[in-house]
C-alpha atoms as a PDB file:
ATOM      1  CA  MET A   1     -45.299  -9.102 -13.745  1.00  0.00           C
ATOM      2  CA  ASN A   2     -48.193  -6.666 -13.519  1.00  0.00           C
ATOM      3  CA  LEU A   3     -47.747  -3.090 -14.673  1.00  0.00           C
ATOM      4  CA  VAL A   4     -49.044  -0.590 -12.144  1.00  0.00           C
ATOM      5  CA  CYS A   5     -52.266   1.131 -13.149  1.00  0.00           C
ATOM      6  CA  HIS A   6     -53.309   2.792  -9.892  1.00  0.00           C
ATOM      7  CA  PRO A   7     -56.044   5.517 -10.139  1.00  0.00           C
ATOM      8  CA  CYS A   8     -54.928   7.569  -7.134  1.00  0.00           C
ATOM      9  CA  ILE A   9     -51.384   8.016  -8.431  1.00  0.00           C
ATOM     10  CA  LEU A  10     -52.573  10.920 -10.586  1.00  0.00           C
ATOM     11  CA  THR A  11     -53.485  12.909  -7.460  1.00  0.00           C
ATOM     12  CA  ILE A  12     -50.389  12.159  -5.404  1.00  0.00           C
ATOM     13  CA  LYS A  13     -48.708  15.355  -4.210  1.00  0.00           C
ATOM     14  CA  ASN A  14     -45.064  14.435  -4.774  1.00  0.00           C
ATOM     15  CA  VAL A  15     -45.205  12.106  -7.758  1.00  0.00           C
ATOM     16  CA  TYR A  16     -41.656  11.154  -8.717  1.00  0.00           C
ATOM     17  CA  LEU A  17     -42.171   7.613  -9.964  1.00  0.00           C
ATOM     18  CA  ASN A  18     -41.893   6.602 -13.602  1.00  0.00           C
ATOM     19  CA  ILE A  19     -44.904   4.295 -13.889  1.00  0.00           C
ATOM     20  CA  MET A  20     -43.467   2.122 -16.648  1.00  0.00           C
ATOM     21  CA  ASN A  21     -40.564   1.066 -14.400  1.00  0.00           C
ATOM     22  CA  TYR A  22     -42.651   0.090 -11.373  1.00  0.00           C
ATOM     23  CA  TYR A  23     -44.771  -2.977 -10.742  1.00  0.00           C
ATOM     24  CA  THR A  24     -47.477  -4.217  -8.403  1.00  0.00           C
ATOM     25  CA  PRO A  25     -45.733  -6.283  -5.697  1.00  0.00           C
ATOM     26  CA  ILE A  26     -46.782  -9.850  -4.963  1.00  0.00           C
ATOM     27  CA  CYS A  27     -45.406 -12.386  -2.526  1.00  0.00           C
ATOM     28  CA  TYR A  28     -45.541 -16.176  -2.388  1.00  0.00           C
ATOM     29  CA  ARG A  29     -45.071 -17.586   1.092  1.00  0.00           C
ATOM     30  CA  GLN A  30     -45.650 -20.819   2.975  1.00  0.00           C
ATOM     31  CA  HIS A  31     -48.777 -20.600   5.134  1.00  0.00           C
ATOM     32  CA  LYS A  32     -50.153 -23.574   7.062  1.00  0.00           C
ATOM     33  CA  GLY A  33     -48.263 -25.983   4.822  1.00  0.00           C
ATOM     34  CA  GLU A  34     -49.554 -24.476   1.587  1.00  0.00           C
ATOM     35  CA  LEU A  35     -48.317 -21.863  -0.870  1.00  0.00           C
ATOM     36  CA  GLN A  36     -50.115 -18.553  -0.361  1.00  0.00           C
ATOM     37  CA  LYS A  37     -50.078 -15.637  -2.802  1.00  0.00           C
ATOM     38  CA  LEU A  38     -50.353 -12.079  -1.453  1.00  0.00           C
ATOM     39  CA  THR A  39     -50.967  -8.985  -3.603  1.00  0.00           C
ATOM     40  CA  PHE A  40     -50.081  -5.440  -2.524  1.00  0.00           C
ATOM     41  CA  SER A  41     -52.038  -3.089  -4.798  1.00  0.00           C
ATOM     42  CA  LYS A  42     -51.358  -0.043  -2.574  1.00  0.00           C
ATOM     43  CA  TYR A  43     -47.629  -0.333  -3.197  1.00  0.00           C
ATOM     44  CA  VAL A  44     -45.161  -0.492  -6.069  1.00  0.00           C
ATOM     45  CA  ILE A  45     -41.762  -2.142  -6.427  1.00  0.00           C
ATOM     46  CA  ASP A  46     -38.962  -0.925  -8.675  1.00  0.00           C
ATOM     47  CA  GLU A  47     -36.367  -2.887 -10.633  1.00  0.00           C
ATOM     48  CA  ASN A  48     -33.893  -2.591  -7.750  1.00  0.00           C
ATOM     49  CA  GLY A  49     -36.239  -4.358  -5.321  1.00  0.00           C
ATOM     50  CA  ARG A  50     -37.289  -1.196  -3.444  1.00  0.00           C
ATOM     51  CA  VAL A  51     -40.911  -1.069  -2.278  1.00  0.00           C
ATOM     52  CA  PHE A  52     -42.895   2.196  -2.110  1.00  0.00           C
ATOM     53  CA  SER A  53     -46.246   3.065  -0.533  1.00  0.00           C
ATOM     54  CA  LEU A  54     -48.534   4.966  -2.910  1.00  0.00           C
ATOM     55  CA  ASN A  55     -50.503   6.599  -0.094  1.00  0.00           C
ATOM     56  CA  TYR A  56     -48.226   6.896   2.926  1.00  0.00           C
ATOM     57  CA  ASN A  57     -50.261   7.530   6.097  1.00  0.00           C
ATOM     58  CA  HIS A  58     -53.258   8.522   3.894  1.00  0.00           C
ATOM     59  CA  THR A  59     -51.430  11.635   2.686  1.00  0.00           C
ATOM     60  CA  TYR A  60     -51.305  10.659  -1.006  1.00  0.00           C
ATOM     61  CA  THR A  61     -47.538  10.781  -0.656  1.00  0.00           C
ATOM     62  CA  VAL A  62     -45.213   8.249  -2.240  1.00  0.00           C
ATOM     63  CA  LYS A  63     -42.630   6.995   0.237  1.00  0.00           C
ATOM     64  CA  GLU A  64     -40.211   4.098   0.295  1.00  0.00           C
ATOM     65  CA  CYS A  65     -40.967   1.319   2.779  1.00  0.00           C
ATOM     66  CA  VAL A  66     -37.614   0.971   4.526  1.00  0.00           C
ATOM     67  CA  GLY A  67     -38.566  -1.724   7.041  1.00  0.00           C
ATOM     68  CA  ALA A  68     -36.116  -3.217   9.522  1.00  0.00           C
ATOM     69  CA  VAL A  69     -33.449  -5.918   9.482  1.00  0.00           C
ATOM     70  CA  ASP A  70     -34.646  -9.073  11.254  1.00  0.00           C
ATOM     71  CA  LYS A  71     -32.565 -11.371  13.479  1.00  0.00           C
ATOM     72  CA  ASP A  72     -31.328 -13.331  10.436  1.00  0.00           C
ATOM     73  CA  GLY A  73     -30.174 -10.226   8.554  1.00  0.00           C
ATOM     74  CA  TYR A  74     -33.049  -9.896   6.054  1.00  0.00           C
ATOM     75  CA  VAL A  75     -35.077  -6.723   5.426  1.00  0.00           C
ATOM     76  CA  MET A  76     -38.566  -7.211   6.899  1.00  0.00           C
ATOM     77  CA  LEU A  77     -41.496  -5.034   5.785  1.00  0.00           C
ATOM     78  CA  CYS A  78     -44.899  -4.492   7.375  1.00  0.00           C
ATOM     79  CA  LEU A  79     -47.412  -4.075   4.534  1.00  0.00           C
ATOM     80  CA  ARG A  80     -51.163  -4.342   3.969  1.00  0.00           C
ATOM     81  CA  SER A  81     -52.046  -7.073   1.516  1.00  0.00           C
ATOM     82  CA  ASP A  82     -55.296  -7.283  -0.427  1.00  0.00           C
ATOM     83  CA  GLU A  83     -55.967 -10.767   0.963  1.00  0.00           C
ATOM     84  CA  SER A  84     -54.854 -10.759   4.614  1.00  0.00           C
ATOM     85  CA  GLY A  85     -54.540  -7.155   5.780  1.00  0.00           C
ATOM     86  CA  LYS A  86     -51.355  -6.301   7.687  1.00  0.00           C
ATOM     87  CA  VAL A  87     -48.587  -8.852   7.208  1.00  0.00           C
ATOM     88  CA  TYR A  88     -44.860  -9.031   7.885  1.00  0.00           C
ATOM     89  CA  VAL A  89     -42.873 -10.249   4.879  1.00  0.00           C
ATOM     90  CA  ARG A  90     -39.253 -10.267   3.835  1.00  0.00           C
ATOM     91  CA  ARG A  91     -38.539  -7.844   1.031  1.00  0.00           C
ATOM     92  CA  CYS A  92     -36.479 -10.441  -0.836  1.00  0.00           C
ATOM     93  CA  ARG A  93     -39.525 -12.717  -1.171  1.00  0.00           C
ATOM     94  CA  ILE A  94     -41.578  -9.837  -2.571  1.00  0.00           C
ATOM     95  CA  SER A  95     -38.880  -9.013  -5.112  1.00  0.00           C
ATOM     96  CA  GLU A  96     -38.336 -12.630  -6.145  1.00  0.00           C
ATOM     97  CA  SER A  97     -42.079 -13.355  -6.372  1.00  0.00           C
ATOM     98  CA  THR A  98     -42.868 -10.215  -8.376  1.00  0.00           C
ATOM     99  CA  PHE A  99     -40.149 -10.608 -10.976  1.00  0.00           C
ATOM    100  CA  PHE A 100     -39.792 -14.403 -11.196  1.00  0.00           C
ATOM    101  CA  GLY A 101     -43.232 -15.690 -10.237  1.00  0.00           C
ATOM    102  CA  GLU A 102     -44.306 -18.709  -8.231  1.00  0.00           C
ATOM    103  CA  PRO A 103     -41.547 -20.721  -6.490  1.00  0.00           C
ATOM    104  CA  PRO A 104     -40.878 -24.265  -7.751  1.00  0.00           C
ATOM    105  CA  PHE A 105     -42.009 -25.852  -4.451  1.00  0.00           C
ATOM    106  CA  VAL A 106     -43.861 -24.861  -1.295  1.00  0.00           C
ATOM    107  CA  ASP A 107     -40.910 -24.438   1.102  1.00  0.00           C
ATOM    108  CA  ALA A 108     -38.598 -22.720  -1.393  1.00  0.00           C
ATOM    109  CA  GLN A 109     -36.204 -20.138   0.023  1.00  0.00           C
ATOM    110  CA  VAL A 110     -34.615 -17.048  -1.533  1.00  0.00           C
ATOM    111  CA  ASN A 111     -30.846 -17.022  -1.987  1.00  0.00           C
ATOM    112  CA  HIS A 112     -28.784 -13.839  -2.344  1.00  0.00           C
ATOM    113  CA  LYS A 113     -26.097 -14.453  -4.967  1.00  0.00           C
ATOM    114  CA  ASP A 114     -23.696 -11.824  -3.592  1.00  0.00           C
ATOM    115  CA  GLU A 115     -24.355 -13.058  -0.004  1.00  0.00           C
ATOM    116  CA  CYS A 116     -25.595  -9.587   1.002  1.00  0.00           C
ATOM    117  CA  LYS A 117     -29.006 -10.203   2.590  1.00  0.00           C
ATOM    118  CA  THR A 118     -30.098  -6.574   2.212  1.00  0.00           C
ATOM    119  CA  ASN A 119     -29.466  -6.447  -1.558  1.00  0.00           C
ATOM    120  CA  ASP A 120     -32.903  -7.434  -2.850  1.00  0.00           C
ATOM    121  CA  ALA A 121     -32.443  -6.497  -6.515  1.00  0.00           C
ATOM    122  CA  PRO A 122     -34.076  -9.212  -8.685  1.00  0.00           C
ATOM    123  CA  SER A 123     -30.789  -9.907 -10.466  1.00  0.00           C
ATOM    124  CA  ASN A 124     -29.261 -10.866  -7.100  1.00  0.00           C
ATOM    125  CA  LEU A 125     -31.965 -13.362  -6.107  1.00  0.00           C
ATOM    126  CA  GLU A 126     -32.875 -16.952  -6.929  1.00  0.00           C
ATOM    127  CA  TRP A 127     -35.300 -19.604  -5.649  1.00  0.00           C
ATOM    128  CA  CYS A 128     -33.581 -22.544  -3.955  1.00  0.00           C
ATOM    129  CA  ASP A 129     -34.002 -25.238  -1.318  1.00  0.00           C
ATOM    130  CA  SER A 130     -32.759 -24.925   2.256  1.00  0.00           C
ATOM    131  CA  LYS A 131     -29.683 -27.141   1.776  1.00  0.00           C
ATOM    132  CA  TYR A 132     -28.473 -25.067  -1.182  1.00  0.00           C
ATOM    133  CA  ASN A 133     -29.138 -21.840   0.711  1.00  0.00           C
ATOM    134  CA  ASN A 134     -27.378 -23.033   3.872  1.00  0.00           C
ATOM    135  CA  ASN A 135     -24.248 -24.135   2.013  1.00  0.00           C
ATOM    136  CA  TYR A 136     -24.034 -21.351  -0.575  1.00  0.00           C
ATOM    137  CA  GLY A 137     -20.830 -19.384  -1.198  1.00  0.00           C
ATOM    138  CA  THR A 138     -18.586 -18.628   1.773  1.00  0.00           C
ATOM    139  CA  LYS A 139     -21.189 -19.355   4.448  1.00  0.00           C
ATOM    140  CA  ASN A 140     -19.506 -22.539   5.673  1.00  0.00           C
ATOM    141  CA  GLU A 141     -16.116 -20.817   5.829  1.00  0.00           C
ATOM    142  CA  ARG A 142     -17.608 -17.991   7.874  1.00  0.00           C
ATOM    143  CA  ALA A 143     -19.263 -20.538  10.160  1.00  0.00           C
ATOM    144  CA  LYS A 144     -15.927 -22.301  10.706  1.00  0.00           C
ATOM    145  CA  ILE A 145     -14.313 -19.018  11.753  1.00  0.00           C
ATOM    146  CA  LYS A 146     -17.129 -18.386  14.204  1.00  0.00           C
ATOM    147  CA  LEU A 147     -16.817 -21.919  15.589  1.00  0.00           C
ATOM    148  CA  LYS A 148     -13.256 -21.179  16.696  1.00  0.00           C
ATOM    149  CA  GLN A 149     -14.740 -18.779  19.238  1.00  0.00           C
ATOM    150  CA  ILE A 150     -17.059 -21.447  20.694  1.00  0.00           C
ATOM    151  CA  PRO A 151     -15.926 -23.153  23.939  1.00  0.00           C
ATOM    152  CA  HIS A 152     -14.477 -26.588  23.247  1.00  0.00           C
ATOM    153  CA  THR A 153     -16.309 -28.231  26.159  1.00  0.00           C
ATOM    154  CA  TRP A 154     -19.749 -28.422  24.486  1.00  0.00           C
ATOM    155  CA  ARG A 155     -18.679 -29.523  20.993  1.00  0.00           C
ATOM    156  CA  LYS A 156     -18.228 -33.233  21.681  1.00  0.00           C
ATOM    157  CA  GLN A 157     -21.820 -34.217  22.584  1.00  0.00           C
ATOM    158  CA  PRO A 158     -23.229 -36.467  19.815  1.00  0.00           C
ATOM    159  CA  ILE A 159     -26.564 -35.113  18.591  1.00  0.00           C
ATOM    160  CA  ARG A 160     -29.412 -35.975  16.231  1.00  0.00           C
ATOM    161  CA  VAL A 161     -30.986 -33.334  13.971  1.00  0.00           C
ATOM    162  CA  TRP A 162     -34.627 -33.856  13.095  1.00  0.00           C
ATOM    163  CA  LYS A 163     -35.000 -31.618  10.046  1.00  0.00           C
ATOM    164  CA  TYR A 164     -32.422 -33.557   8.064  1.00  0.00           C
ATOM    165  CA  VAL A 165     -32.718 -36.955   9.745  1.00  0.00           C
ATOM    166  CA  GLY A 166     -29.171 -37.870  10.628  1.00  0.00           C
ATOM    167  CA  ASP A 167     -26.671 -38.291  13.426  1.00  0.00           C
ATOM    168  CA  TYR A 168     -23.558 -36.211  14.020  1.00  0.00           C
ATOM    169  CA  GLN A 169     -20.563 -36.797  16.251  1.00  0.00           C
ATOM    170  CA  SER A 170     -20.647 -33.303  17.692  1.00  0.00           C
ATOM    171  CA  ILE A 171     -22.384 -29.951  17.575  1.00  0.00           C
ATOM    172  CA  LYS A 172     -19.416 -28.651  15.597  1.00  0.00           C
ATOM    173  CA  GLU A 173     -19.869 -31.278  12.878  1.00  0.00           C
ATOM    174  CA  ALA A 174     -23.633 -30.657  12.639  1.00  0.00           C
ATOM    175  CA  THR A 175     -23.179 -26.912  12.459  1.00  0.00           C
ATOM    176  CA  ILE A 176     -20.679 -27.125   9.593  1.00  0.00           C
ATOM    177  CA  GLU A 177     -22.700 -29.723   7.680  1.00  0.00           C
ATOM    178  CA  LEU A 178     -25.975 -27.804   7.921  1.00  0.00           C
ATOM    179  CA  GLY A 179     -24.417 -24.397   7.383  1.00  0.00           C
ATOM    180  CA  ILE A 180     -26.161 -22.849  10.382  1.00  0.00           C
ATOM    181  CA  GLU A 181     -24.641 -20.218  12.616  1.00  0.00           C
ATOM    182  CA  CYS A 182     -25.618 -20.901  16.191  1.00  0.00           C
ATOM    183  CA  ASN A 183     -24.345 -20.135  19.654  1.00  0.00           C
ATOM    184  CA  GLN A 184     -23.860 -22.055  22.882  1.00  0.00           C
ATOM    185  CA  PRO A 185     -26.942 -20.811  24.785  1.00  0.00           C
ATOM    186  CA  ASN A 186     -29.369 -21.695  21.975  1.00  0.00           C
ATOM    187  CA  ILE A 187     -27.901 -25.138  21.323  1.00  0.00           C
ATOM    188  CA  SER A 188     -27.642 -25.934  25.031  1.00  0.00           C
ATOM    189  CA  THR A 189     -31.264 -24.885  25.569  1.00  0.00           C
ATOM    190  CA  SER A 190     -32.377 -27.068  22.677  1.00  0.00           C
ATOM    191  CA  LEU A 191     -30.466 -30.125  23.869  1.00  0.00           C
ATOM    192  CA  ASN A 192     -31.575 -29.778  27.494  1.00  0.00           C
ATOM    193  CA  SER A 193     -35.219 -28.882  26.830  1.00  0.00           C
ATOM    194  CA  ASN A 194     -37.912 -31.525  27.033  1.00  0.00           C
ATOM    195  CA  ALA A 195     -39.902 -29.445  24.560  1.00  0.00           C
ATOM    196  CA  GLN A 196     -37.135 -29.776  21.935  1.00  0.00           C
ATOM    197  CA  THR A 197     -37.023 -26.080  21.086  1.00  0.00           C
ATOM    198  CA  CYS A 198     -35.891 -25.105  17.572  1.00  0.00           C
ATOM    199  CA  VAL A 199     -32.613 -23.447  16.653  1.00  0.00           C
ATOM    200  CA  LYS A 200     -32.630 -21.975  13.136  1.00  0.00           C
ATOM    201  CA  GLY A 201     -35.566 -24.236  12.289  1.00  0.00           C
ATOM    202  CA  TYR A 202     -33.834 -27.458  13.425  1.00  0.00           C
ATOM    203  CA  LYS A 203     -34.643 -29.708  16.385  1.00  0.00           C
ATOM    204  CA  PHE A 204     -31.797 -31.372  18.252  1.00  0.00           C
ATOM    205  CA  GLU A 205     -31.580 -34.186  20.774  1.00  0.00           C
ATOM    206  CA  LYS A 206     -28.733 -35.904  22.571  1.00  0.00           C
ATOM    207  CA  ILE A 207     -27.701 -39.422  21.568  1.00  0.00           C
ATOM    208  CA  LEU A 208     -27.129 -41.588  24.618  1.00  0.00           C
ATOM    209  CA  LEU A 209     -23.749 -43.239  24.482  1.00  0.00           C
ATOM    210  CA  PRO A 210     -23.427 -46.922  25.528  1.00  0.00           C
END
């Protein structure tokens, strides 16, 4: 972790940050198949995973970067990195990277221990692989409950999933095994598309029955 030592903070109009409890945010992310490190020297992050701009809209005002919740339920921030300019990154990756350093492998994901995707406190986060993340906690049980609402007619088509190479007897079986929450339109589009569109990062295809 890097302690913040930002020159302009002494001239900020509404300084309310205790410098010793705030750190320079960094983020490790997968970019073009490689691990990329981003540094955000114009921001600070506190020990609860909250990110603040040190010069909001060039007003020398400190303000929290609230961001927005993305389609998967994670808090997404738009920040300016030292290396790549404006980037969109999940706040959980910034928190995990800043307080725990480089992930153990390139495609590592961030797991929320309490299963609340907006709680990005470092104590609630851990690096993991996709299989661990997809099957963590009560996720499979929640997926089973959601599956009960899915029409029975499209569950019995055998499919092949290309991320984890394997065959499944039905969409229902694949969904439970992989821990993904999907819906009929997305799966149907994937199975009927010649382009093999992705659903939650997985590619599906029908298995022709004899």
